[in-house]
Amino acid sequence: MRNYSRFYAYLKECGGDEETKELIVSSYTDHRTVHLHEMTDAEYRRMCDDLSSRSEWRARLRAKRSECLHLMQLIGLDTSDWGIVNRFCENPRISGKPFARMTIDELKKLSLRLRAIAAREVLVASVLRL
């Protein structure tokens, strides 16, 4: 008897329903079945391992997005308004695409740009105080 809690935890994390479950199971069994209990142990392990790696990727993406949003707040952007965030990110000198469509690598580059902008603002503010 196999414990399916690992699979259902991943399914819940992605907001999946019964139809999503069936599509995932079907794709890992070469469309032989849509039922977890009819999967072989190897198929089940491979499916859960793949879902696990995707879950880790999502966590890294979420952390990088959070970092960028925090840096945007530091330079004075209202991050509670997605329109403002997207207009800022869509500027070709920033990233050229909406915030939600940015990859982890693009978010890393955005983070560097935001840090440079924040450092420049601090420098300008200190010069103006002189």
N, C-alpha and C. Protein backbone atom coordinates (compact mmCIF):
# COMPACT_ATOMS: atom_id res chain seq x y z
N MET A 1 0.85 -1.19 0.00
CA MET A 1 0.00 0.00 0.00
C MET A 1 0.89 1.25 0.00
N ARG A 2 0.64 2.14 -0.91
CA ARG A 2 1.43 3.35 -1.08
C ARG A 2 0.72 4.53 -0.41
N ASN A 3 1.49 5.45 0.16
CA ASN A 3 0.95 6.66 0.77
C ASN A 3 1.02 7.78 -0.29
N TYR A 4 -0.10 8.36 -0.62
CA TYR A 4 -0.15 9.36 -1.68
C TYR A 4 -0.09 10.79 -1.17
N SER A 5 0.26 10.99 0.08
CA SER A 5 0.25 12.33 0.67
C SER A 5 1.26 13.25 -0.02
N ARG A 6 2.40 12.69 -0.45
CA ARG A 6 3.42 13.50 -1.13
C ARG A 6 2.84 14.12 -2.40
N PHE A 7 2.17 13.30 -3.19
CA PHE A 7 1.58 13.79 -4.43
C PHE A 7 0.50 14.83 -4.15
N TYR A 8 -0.39 14.54 -3.19
CA TYR A 8 -1.49 15.47 -2.92
C TYR A 8 -0.99 16.79 -2.32
N ALA A 9 0.14 16.77 -1.63
CA ALA A 9 0.73 18.02 -1.13
C ALA A 9 1.16 18.90 -2.30
N TYR A 10 1.80 18.30 -3.31
CA TYR A 10 2.20 19.07 -4.49
C TYR A 10 0.99 19.55 -5.27
N LEU A 11 -0.01 18.71 -5.40
CA LEU A 11 -1.22 19.07 -6.12
C LEU A 11 -1.91 20.26 -5.45
N LYS A 12 -1.97 20.22 -4.13
CA LYS A 12 -2.59 21.32 -3.38
C LYS A 12 -1.80 22.61 -3.55
N GLU A 13 -0.47 22.50 -3.54
CA GLU A 13 0.39 23.67 -3.68
C GLU A 13 0.16 24.39 -5.01
N CYS A 14 -0.07 23.63 -6.07
CA CYS A 14 -0.28 24.26 -7.37
C CYS A 14 -1.75 24.59 -7.62
N GLY A 15 -2.61 24.30 -6.65
CA GLY A 15 -4.03 24.63 -6.79
C GLY A 15 -4.76 23.70 -7.73
N GLY A 16 -4.26 22.49 -7.86
CA GLY A 16 -4.85 21.53 -8.78
C GLY A 16 -6.13 20.90 -8.26
N ASP A 17 -6.91 20.38 -9.18
CA ASP A 17 -8.15 19.69 -8.84
C ASP A 17 -8.08 18.26 -9.39
N GLU A 18 -9.19 17.58 -9.40
CA GLU A 18 -9.24 16.18 -9.87
C GLU A 18 -8.81 16.07 -11.33
N GLU A 19 -9.23 17.02 -12.13
CA GLU A 19 -8.86 16.98 -13.56
C GLU A 19 -7.35 17.16 -13.73
N THR A 20 -6.77 18.07 -12.96
CA THR A 20 -5.32 18.27 -13.00
C THR A 20 -4.59 17.01 -12.59
N LYS A 21 -5.08 16.37 -11.52
CA LYS A 21 -4.48 15.12 -11.05
C LYS A 21 -4.48 14.08 -12.16
N GLU A 22 -5.60 13.94 -12.82
CA GLU A 22 -5.72 12.93 -13.88
C GLU A 22 -4.78 13.24 -15.04
N LEU A 23 -4.64 14.51 -15.39
CA LEU A 23 -3.73 14.89 -16.47
C LEU A 23 -2.28 14.57 -16.11
N ILE A 24 -1.90 14.87 -14.86
CA ILE A 24 -0.53 14.60 -14.42
C ILE A 24 -0.27 13.10 -14.42
N VAL A 25 -1.15 12.33 -13.80
CA VAL A 25 -0.97 10.87 -13.72
C VAL A 25 -0.92 10.28 -15.12
N SER A 26 -1.81 10.71 -15.98
CA SER A 26 -1.85 10.20 -17.35
C SER A 26 -0.53 10.47 -18.08
N SER A 27 0.01 11.66 -17.89
CA SER A 27 1.25 12.00 -18.60
C SER A 27 2.44 11.18 -18.11
N TYR A 28 2.44 10.75 -16.86
CA TYR A 28 3.54 9.95 -16.32
C TYR A 28 3.36 8.45 -16.55
N THR A 29 2.21 8.05 -17.04
CA THR A 29 1.97 6.62 -17.33
C THR A 29 1.78 6.39 -18.83
N ASP A 30 2.21 7.34 -19.63
CA ASP A 30 2.02 7.26 -21.09
C ASP A 30 0.55 7.03 -21.44
N HIS A 31 -0.32 7.70 -20.72
CA HIS A 31 -1.77 7.68 -20.93
C HIS A 31 -2.41 6.30 -20.69
N ARG A 32 -1.72 5.49 -19.90
CA ARG A 32 -2.23 4.16 -19.58
C ARG A 32 -3.34 4.23 -18.54
N THR A 33 -3.23 5.19 -17.60
CA THR A 33 -4.23 5.31 -16.53
C THR A 33 -4.28 6.73 -16.00
N VAL A 34 -5.35 7.04 -15.29
CA VAL A 34 -5.47 8.33 -14.61
C VAL A 34 -5.56 8.13 -13.10
N HIS A 35 -5.33 6.90 -12.64
CA HIS A 35 -5.47 6.56 -11.22
C HIS A 35 -4.09 6.34 -10.58
N LEU A 36 -3.89 6.97 -9.43
CA LEU A 36 -2.61 6.82 -8.73
C LEU A 36 -2.31 5.37 -8.38
N HIS A 37 -3.31 4.64 -7.94
CA HIS A 37 -3.06 3.27 -7.47
C HIS A 37 -2.69 2.31 -8.61
N GLU A 38 -2.90 2.72 -9.85
CA GLU A 38 -2.53 1.89 -10.99
C GLU A 38 -1.15 2.22 -11.54
N MET A 39 -0.48 3.20 -10.94
CA MET A 39 0.87 3.56 -11.36
C MET A 39 1.87 2.55 -10.79
N THR A 40 2.97 2.36 -11.50
CA THR A 40 4.04 1.53 -10.94
C THR A 40 4.79 2.38 -9.91
N ASP A 41 5.56 1.72 -9.06
CA ASP A 41 6.35 2.46 -8.07
C ASP A 41 7.33 3.41 -8.75
N ALA A 42 7.95 2.95 -9.83
CA ALA A 42 8.92 3.79 -10.55
C ALA A 42 8.23 5.03 -11.15
N GLU A 43 7.06 4.85 -11.74
CA GLU A 43 6.34 5.99 -12.30
C GLU A 43 5.97 6.99 -11.21
N TYR A 44 5.48 6.46 -10.09
CA TYR A 44 5.08 7.34 -8.98
C TYR A 44 6.27 8.12 -8.44
N ARG A 45 7.41 7.43 -8.24
CA ARG A 45 8.61 8.09 -7.72
C ARG A 45 9.08 9.18 -8.68
N ARG A 46 9.13 8.87 -9.97
CA ARG A 46 9.59 9.84 -10.97
C ARG A 46 8.67 11.06 -10.99
N MET A 47 7.36 10.83 -10.93
CA MET A 47 6.40 11.92 -10.93
C MET A 47 6.61 12.81 -9.71
N CYS A 48 6.72 12.23 -8.53
CA CYS A 48 6.89 13.01 -7.31
C CYS A 48 8.23 13.75 -7.31
N ASP A 49 9.28 13.12 -7.82
CA ASP A 49 10.58 13.80 -7.89
C ASP A 49 10.52 15.00 -8.82
N ASP A 50 9.85 14.85 -9.96
CA ASP A 50 9.69 15.98 -10.88
C ASP A 50 8.88 17.11 -10.25
N LEU A 51 7.80 16.74 -9.58
CA LEU A 51 6.97 17.75 -8.93
C LEU A 51 7.74 18.45 -7.81
N SER A 52 8.59 17.72 -7.12
CA SER A 52 9.40 18.30 -6.05
C SER A 52 10.37 19.33 -6.61
N SER A 53 11.02 19.02 -7.72
CA SER A 53 11.98 19.97 -8.29
C SER A 53 11.26 21.23 -8.76
N ARG A 54 10.04 21.08 -9.28
CA ARG A 54 9.26 22.26 -9.68
C ARG A 54 8.88 23.09 -8.46
N SER A 55 8.60 22.44 -7.37
CA SER A 55 8.23 23.12 -6.14
C SER A 55 9.39 23.96 -5.62
N GLU A 56 10.60 23.41 -5.69
CA GLU A 56 11.79 24.15 -5.25
C GLU A 56 12.02 25.36 -6.14
N TRP A 57 11.79 25.19 -7.43
CA TRP A 57 11.94 26.30 -8.36
C TRP A 57 10.95 27.41 -8.01
N ARG A 58 9.72 27.04 -7.69
CA ARG A 58 8.71 28.03 -7.32
C ARG A 58 9.12 28.80 -6.07
N ALA A 59 9.72 28.11 -5.11
CA ALA A 59 10.16 28.76 -3.88
C ALA A 59 11.27 29.78 -4.19
N ARG A 60 12.20 29.41 -5.07
CA ARG A 60 13.28 30.34 -5.45
C ARG A 60 12.70 31.54 -6.19
N LEU A 61 11.74 31.28 -7.09
CA LEU A 61 11.11 32.37 -7.83
C LEU A 61 10.39 33.32 -6.88
N ARG A 62 9.65 32.76 -5.93
CA ARG A 62 8.91 33.57 -4.96
C ARG A 62 9.86 34.43 -4.13
N ALA A 63 10.99 33.86 -3.71
CA ALA A 63 11.96 34.60 -2.90
C ALA A 63 12.58 35.74 -3.71
N LYS A 64 12.91 35.49 -4.97
CA LYS A 64 13.52 36.52 -5.80
C LYS A 64 12.52 37.64 -6.10
N ARG A 65 11.24 37.28 -6.33
CA ARG A 65 10.22 38.30 -6.53
C ARG A 65 10.05 39.17 -5.29
N SER A 66 10.05 38.54 -4.14
CA SER A 66 9.91 39.27 -2.89
C SER A 66 11.07 40.24 -2.70
N GLU A 67 12.28 39.78 -3.00
CA GLU A 67 13.46 40.64 -2.89
C GLU A 67 13.33 41.86 -3.79
N CYS A 68 12.91 41.65 -5.03
CA CYS A 68 12.78 42.76 -5.97
C CYS A 68 11.69 43.74 -5.54
N LEU A 69 10.57 43.22 -5.06
CA LEU A 69 9.50 44.10 -4.59
C LEU A 69 9.97 44.94 -3.40
N HIS A 70 10.74 44.34 -2.51
CA HIS A 70 11.28 45.09 -1.37
C HIS A 70 12.21 46.21 -1.85
N LEU A 71 13.06 45.90 -2.82
CA LEU A 71 13.96 46.93 -3.36
C LEU A 71 13.19 48.04 -4.06
N MET A 72 12.10 47.67 -4.74
CA MET A 72 11.26 48.69 -5.37
C MET A 72 10.65 49.62 -4.33
N GLN A 73 10.25 49.06 -3.19
CA GLN A 73 9.72 49.89 -2.11
C GLN A 73 10.79 50.86 -1.61
N LEU A 74 12.03 50.39 -1.51
CA LEU A 74 13.12 51.25 -1.02
C LEU A 74 13.39 52.43 -1.93
N ILE A 75 13.15 52.26 -3.23
CA ILE A 75 13.38 53.39 -4.14
C ILE A 75 12.12 54.23 -4.34
N GLY A 76 11.04 53.87 -3.64
CA GLY A 76 9.85 54.71 -3.62
C GLY A 76 8.69 54.28 -4.50
N LEU A 77 8.73 53.08 -5.06
CA LEU A 77 7.60 52.62 -5.86
C LEU A 77 6.51 52.05 -4.96
N ASP A 78 5.27 52.30 -5.34
CA ASP A 78 4.13 51.74 -4.62
C ASP A 78 3.89 50.32 -5.13
N THR A 79 4.40 49.33 -4.40
CA THR A 79 4.30 47.94 -4.86
C THR A 79 2.93 47.33 -4.59
N SER A 80 2.03 48.09 -3.98
CA SER A 80 0.67 47.57 -3.80
C SER A 80 -0.16 47.77 -5.07
N ASP A 81 0.37 48.55 -6.02
CA ASP A 81 -0.31 48.80 -7.29
C ASP A 81 0.47 48.08 -8.40
N TRP A 82 -0.10 46.96 -8.90
CA TRP A 82 0.59 46.17 -9.91
C TRP A 82 0.78 46.93 -11.21
N GLY A 83 -0.08 47.88 -11.48
CA GLY A 83 0.07 48.70 -12.68
C GLY A 83 1.37 49.49 -12.64
N ILE A 84 1.66 50.07 -11.49
CA ILE A 84 2.90 50.83 -11.32
C ILE A 84 4.10 49.90 -11.45
N VAL A 85 4.03 48.75 -10.79
CA VAL A 85 5.14 47.80 -10.82
C VAL A 85 5.39 47.35 -12.26
N ASN A 86 4.34 47.01 -12.99
CA ASN A 86 4.50 46.55 -14.37
C ASN A 86 4.99 47.64 -15.30
N ARG A 87 4.48 48.87 -15.15
CA ARG A 87 4.97 49.97 -16.00
C ARG A 87 6.46 50.20 -15.75
N PHE A 88 6.86 50.14 -14.49
CA PHE A 88 8.28 50.32 -14.17
C PHE A 88 9.12 49.21 -14.82
N CYS A 89 8.71 47.96 -14.65
CA CYS A 89 9.48 46.83 -15.19
C CYS A 89 9.47 46.78 -16.71
N GLU A 90 8.38 47.23 -17.34
CA GLU A 90 8.27 47.19 -18.79
C GLU A 90 9.14 48.23 -19.49
N ASN A 91 9.66 49.17 -18.74
CA ASN A 91 10.58 50.14 -19.31
C ASN A 91 11.78 49.38 -19.88
N PRO A 92 12.14 49.63 -21.14
CA PRO A 92 13.25 48.89 -21.75
C PRO A 92 14.58 49.03 -20.99
N ARG A 93 14.75 50.12 -20.27
CA ARG A 93 15.99 50.30 -19.51
C ARG A 93 15.98 49.48 -18.20
N ILE A 94 14.82 48.99 -17.82
CA ILE A 94 14.72 48.17 -16.60
C ILE A 94 14.71 46.70 -16.98
N SER A 95 13.64 46.21 -17.63
CA SER A 95 13.65 44.80 -18.06
C SER A 95 12.91 44.58 -19.38
N GLY A 96 11.96 45.46 -19.70
CA GLY A 96 11.24 45.32 -20.96
C GLY A 96 10.09 44.33 -20.93
N LYS A 97 9.73 43.84 -19.75
CA LYS A 97 8.60 42.91 -19.68
C LYS A 97 7.91 43.05 -18.34
N PRO A 98 6.64 42.61 -18.24
CA PRO A 98 5.90 42.71 -16.99
C PRO A 98 6.57 41.89 -15.88
N PHE A 99 6.40 42.34 -14.67
CA PHE A 99 7.04 41.71 -13.51
C PHE A 99 6.70 40.22 -13.41
N ALA A 100 5.44 39.86 -13.58
CA ALA A 100 5.01 38.47 -13.39
C ALA A 100 5.59 37.52 -14.43
N ARG A 101 6.05 38.03 -15.55
CA ARG A 101 6.58 37.18 -16.62
C ARG A 101 8.11 37.03 -16.56
N MET A 102 8.73 37.60 -15.55
CA MET A 102 10.18 37.57 -15.45
C MET A 102 10.66 36.23 -14.88
N THR A 103 11.75 35.72 -15.45
CA THR A 103 12.36 34.48 -14.97
C THR A 103 13.25 34.78 -13.78
N ILE A 104 13.77 33.75 -13.15
CA ILE A 104 14.66 33.94 -12.01
C ILE A 104 15.90 34.71 -12.43
N ASP A 105 16.48 34.37 -13.57
CA ASP A 105 17.67 35.10 -14.05
C ASP A 105 17.37 36.56 -14.32
N GLU A 106 16.21 36.83 -14.91
CA GLU A 106 15.82 38.21 -15.16
C GLU A 106 15.58 38.96 -13.85
N LEU A 107 15.03 38.28 -12.87
CA LEU A 107 14.83 38.91 -11.56
C LEU A 107 16.16 39.21 -10.88
N LYS A 108 17.15 38.35 -11.08
CA LYS A 108 18.49 38.62 -10.53
C LYS A 108 19.06 39.89 -11.13
N LYS A 109 18.92 40.05 -12.46
CA LYS A 109 19.39 41.27 -13.12
C LYS A 109 18.61 42.49 -12.65
N LEU A 110 17.30 42.32 -12.48
CA LEU A 110 16.48 43.42 -11.98
C LEU A 110 16.93 43.82 -10.58
N SER A 111 17.23 42.86 -9.75
CA SER A 111 17.70 43.13 -8.40
C SER A 111 18.97 43.98 -8.43
N LEU A 112 19.90 43.64 -9.32
CA LEU A 112 21.14 44.43 -9.44
C LEU A 112 20.84 45.85 -9.89
N ARG A 113 19.93 46.01 -10.84
CA ARG A 113 19.56 47.36 -11.31
C ARG A 113 18.90 48.16 -10.19
N LEU A 114 18.03 47.51 -9.44
CA LEU A 114 17.34 48.20 -8.35
C LEU A 114 18.34 48.62 -7.26
N ARG A 115 19.30 47.76 -6.96
CA ARG A 115 20.33 48.12 -5.98
C ARG A 115 21.17 49.31 -6.47
N ALA A 116 21.47 49.34 -7.77
CA ALA A 116 22.23 50.46 -8.33
C ALA A 116 21.42 51.75 -8.24
N ILE A 117 20.13 51.67 -8.54
CA ILE A 117 19.26 52.85 -8.45
C ILE A 117 19.20 53.34 -7.01
N ALA A 118 19.03 52.42 -6.07
CA ALA A 118 18.96 52.79 -4.65
C ALA A 118 20.27 53.43 -4.19
N ALA A 119 21.40 52.88 -4.62
CA ALA A 119 22.70 53.43 -4.22
C ALA A 119 22.88 54.83 -4.81
N ARG A 120 22.46 55.02 -6.06
CA ARG A 120 22.57 56.33 -6.71
C ARG A 120 21.70 57.36 -5.98
N GLU A 121 20.51 56.94 -5.55
CA GLU A 121 19.62 57.86 -4.82
C GLU A 121 20.23 58.26 -3.48
N VAL A 122 20.88 57.34 -2.81
CA VAL A 122 21.54 57.64 -1.53
C VAL A 122 22.68 58.61 -1.77
N LEU A 123 23.44 58.40 -2.83
CA LEU A 123 24.56 59.28 -3.16
C LEU A 123 24.07 60.69 -3.47
N VAL A 124 23.04 60.80 -4.28
CA VAL A 124 22.49 62.11 -4.64
C VAL A 124 21.96 62.82 -3.40
N ALA A 125 21.26 62.08 -2.55
CA ALA A 125 20.71 62.69 -1.33
C ALA A 125 21.83 63.20 -0.42
N SER A 126 22.93 62.46 -0.31
CA SER A 126 24.03 62.90 0.56
C SER A 126 24.73 64.12 -0.05
N VAL A 127 24.84 64.20 -1.37
CA VAL A 127 25.45 65.35 -2.02
C VAL A 127 24.57 66.57 -1.85
N LEU A 128 23.27 66.40 -1.94
CA LEU A 128 22.35 67.53 -1.79
C LEU A 128 22.37 68.10 -0.38
N ARG A 129 22.69 67.27 0.61
CA ARG A 129 22.75 67.74 2.00
C ARG A 129 23.98 68.59 2.24
N LEU A 130 25.01 68.48 1.41
CA LEU A 130 26.24 69.25 1.58
C LEU A 130 26.00 70.66 1.20
